[in-house]
C-alpha cells in the first residue's frame, strides 16, 4: 500500500466521522417531524420516554459521502463490480430498514428483500471462493453453488445479527466500530491489500464513531433498522473480501463478528427449545441478561465492548501467528461460551428469586394469584 493510499484511508475515516456527527442532529429533528419515535411499550425497552429511531440515516450518509469521495482515488479503488454490488445492496437494505422504522413490515417480506439485496454483491463477486483449515491453512475450493448460497446466507445472517444486538444505548454502533477497525487492521497487514475494502472499512468505522456520541447512554437517538441492518450488511460483505475470501475462511469473520453471531445463534436455539418462532422477541439476549444481573446500561455495554474487542484481537492474532491459530480460536470460543453460561445462570437465579417472593398477608386469600415480576414479552 502506498503512502498516498494510507492518507486516503485516514481521510475516509475522518470525513465519515464528521459527516455522521454533523447529520445526526438533523436526523433527530426529522424523526420528531415525521413521528419516527421508539415508544417504550414493553419490558424489553430500556428507555422510559420516546426516542428518535432513524439516526441510522446519519451513519449511511457519512459512509456514502466518504466512499464516493475517496474510493476513486485509490490505486484499485475505482468503481468495480464488488463495490457497486455492496453499494446497491446496502442501499436497498437501508431503505427497507427506514420504511420498517416508520411502520413495521412483515418479517417474511423483509427476509425476502434481504435475500434479494444480498444476491446483488454476491453475484458481482463478493463471496467466499475457498475454505481453509485453521490448523494448517490448506485451501479447499468451494463449488460455485455453495459459494453463492453460503455467502448469501452469511450476509443475511450477519445483517440480522447486528440488528438483534441493537438493544442497549450504543451497543450496535460500538460493536460494529470494533469489528470495522479489526477488519481494517487485518486488511492493512496484507502486502497487496484490497484498496476498495480498506476505504469501506475505514468509512464504516468513521461513521459509527461519528454517530456514537448521540447514541451512547443516555441516548439522544437510536439508529433503528435503518442503521443496524446497514451496518450488518456492509460488515458481512467486507468480511468475505480481501484476505477473508480464502484465508482461514470464516474463522476470522466469525471471531470479529462473534458477539452478534453467537448471541443470535443462542437466541434461535433458545426460542426453538421453548417452541417459539425464531423471530419472537424476548429478554434472553446477552445485554438483557447483564441488565437482569444488576448492571447498568453503561456497564453492560462496556462489558460487551470488551468481549467484542477480545474476540477481534484474537482474530488479528490468528491472522499474524500461524502457531497460535488453533489455540486462539479455541480459547476465544471457550471464553465466549463461559461468559454466556455465567450470565444465563445468574440471570435465571435472579428471576427465580423474584418469582418466589411471598405476597403480603392481607393478599393471601383463597384463590388470590401470586404476582410475579414480568420478565418476558
Foldseek 3Di string as FASTA:
>chain_A
DDPVLVVLLVVLLQQLLVQLLVCLVVQQVVCVVLVLWDAPDDPLAPDHGTAHAASLVSLLVSLVVSLVVRQCVDPPRNDAQLVVLLNQLLVQQLVVQVVCSSPNDDPVVNLVSLLVSQLRNLVSPLWAQWAADLQQRDTDGDPPVCGSVVLSVLLSLLLVLLVVQQRFFLQSLLLLLLLLVLLLVLQVPDPPHDSNLSSSSSSSNSSSNSNRVQRHPVHNHHNTSSNRSSSSNSSSSSCCDTCCSTGNNCLLVCLLSVQSNVQLVVLQVVQVVVVHDSPFDKQLGQLSLVVLLPDDSNVSSVVVSVLSNLSSVLSVCSSVDSVCRVVSSVVNVVVVVVSSVVSVVSSVVSQVVQQPDDDDPVQPDVPRDDDGDDHID
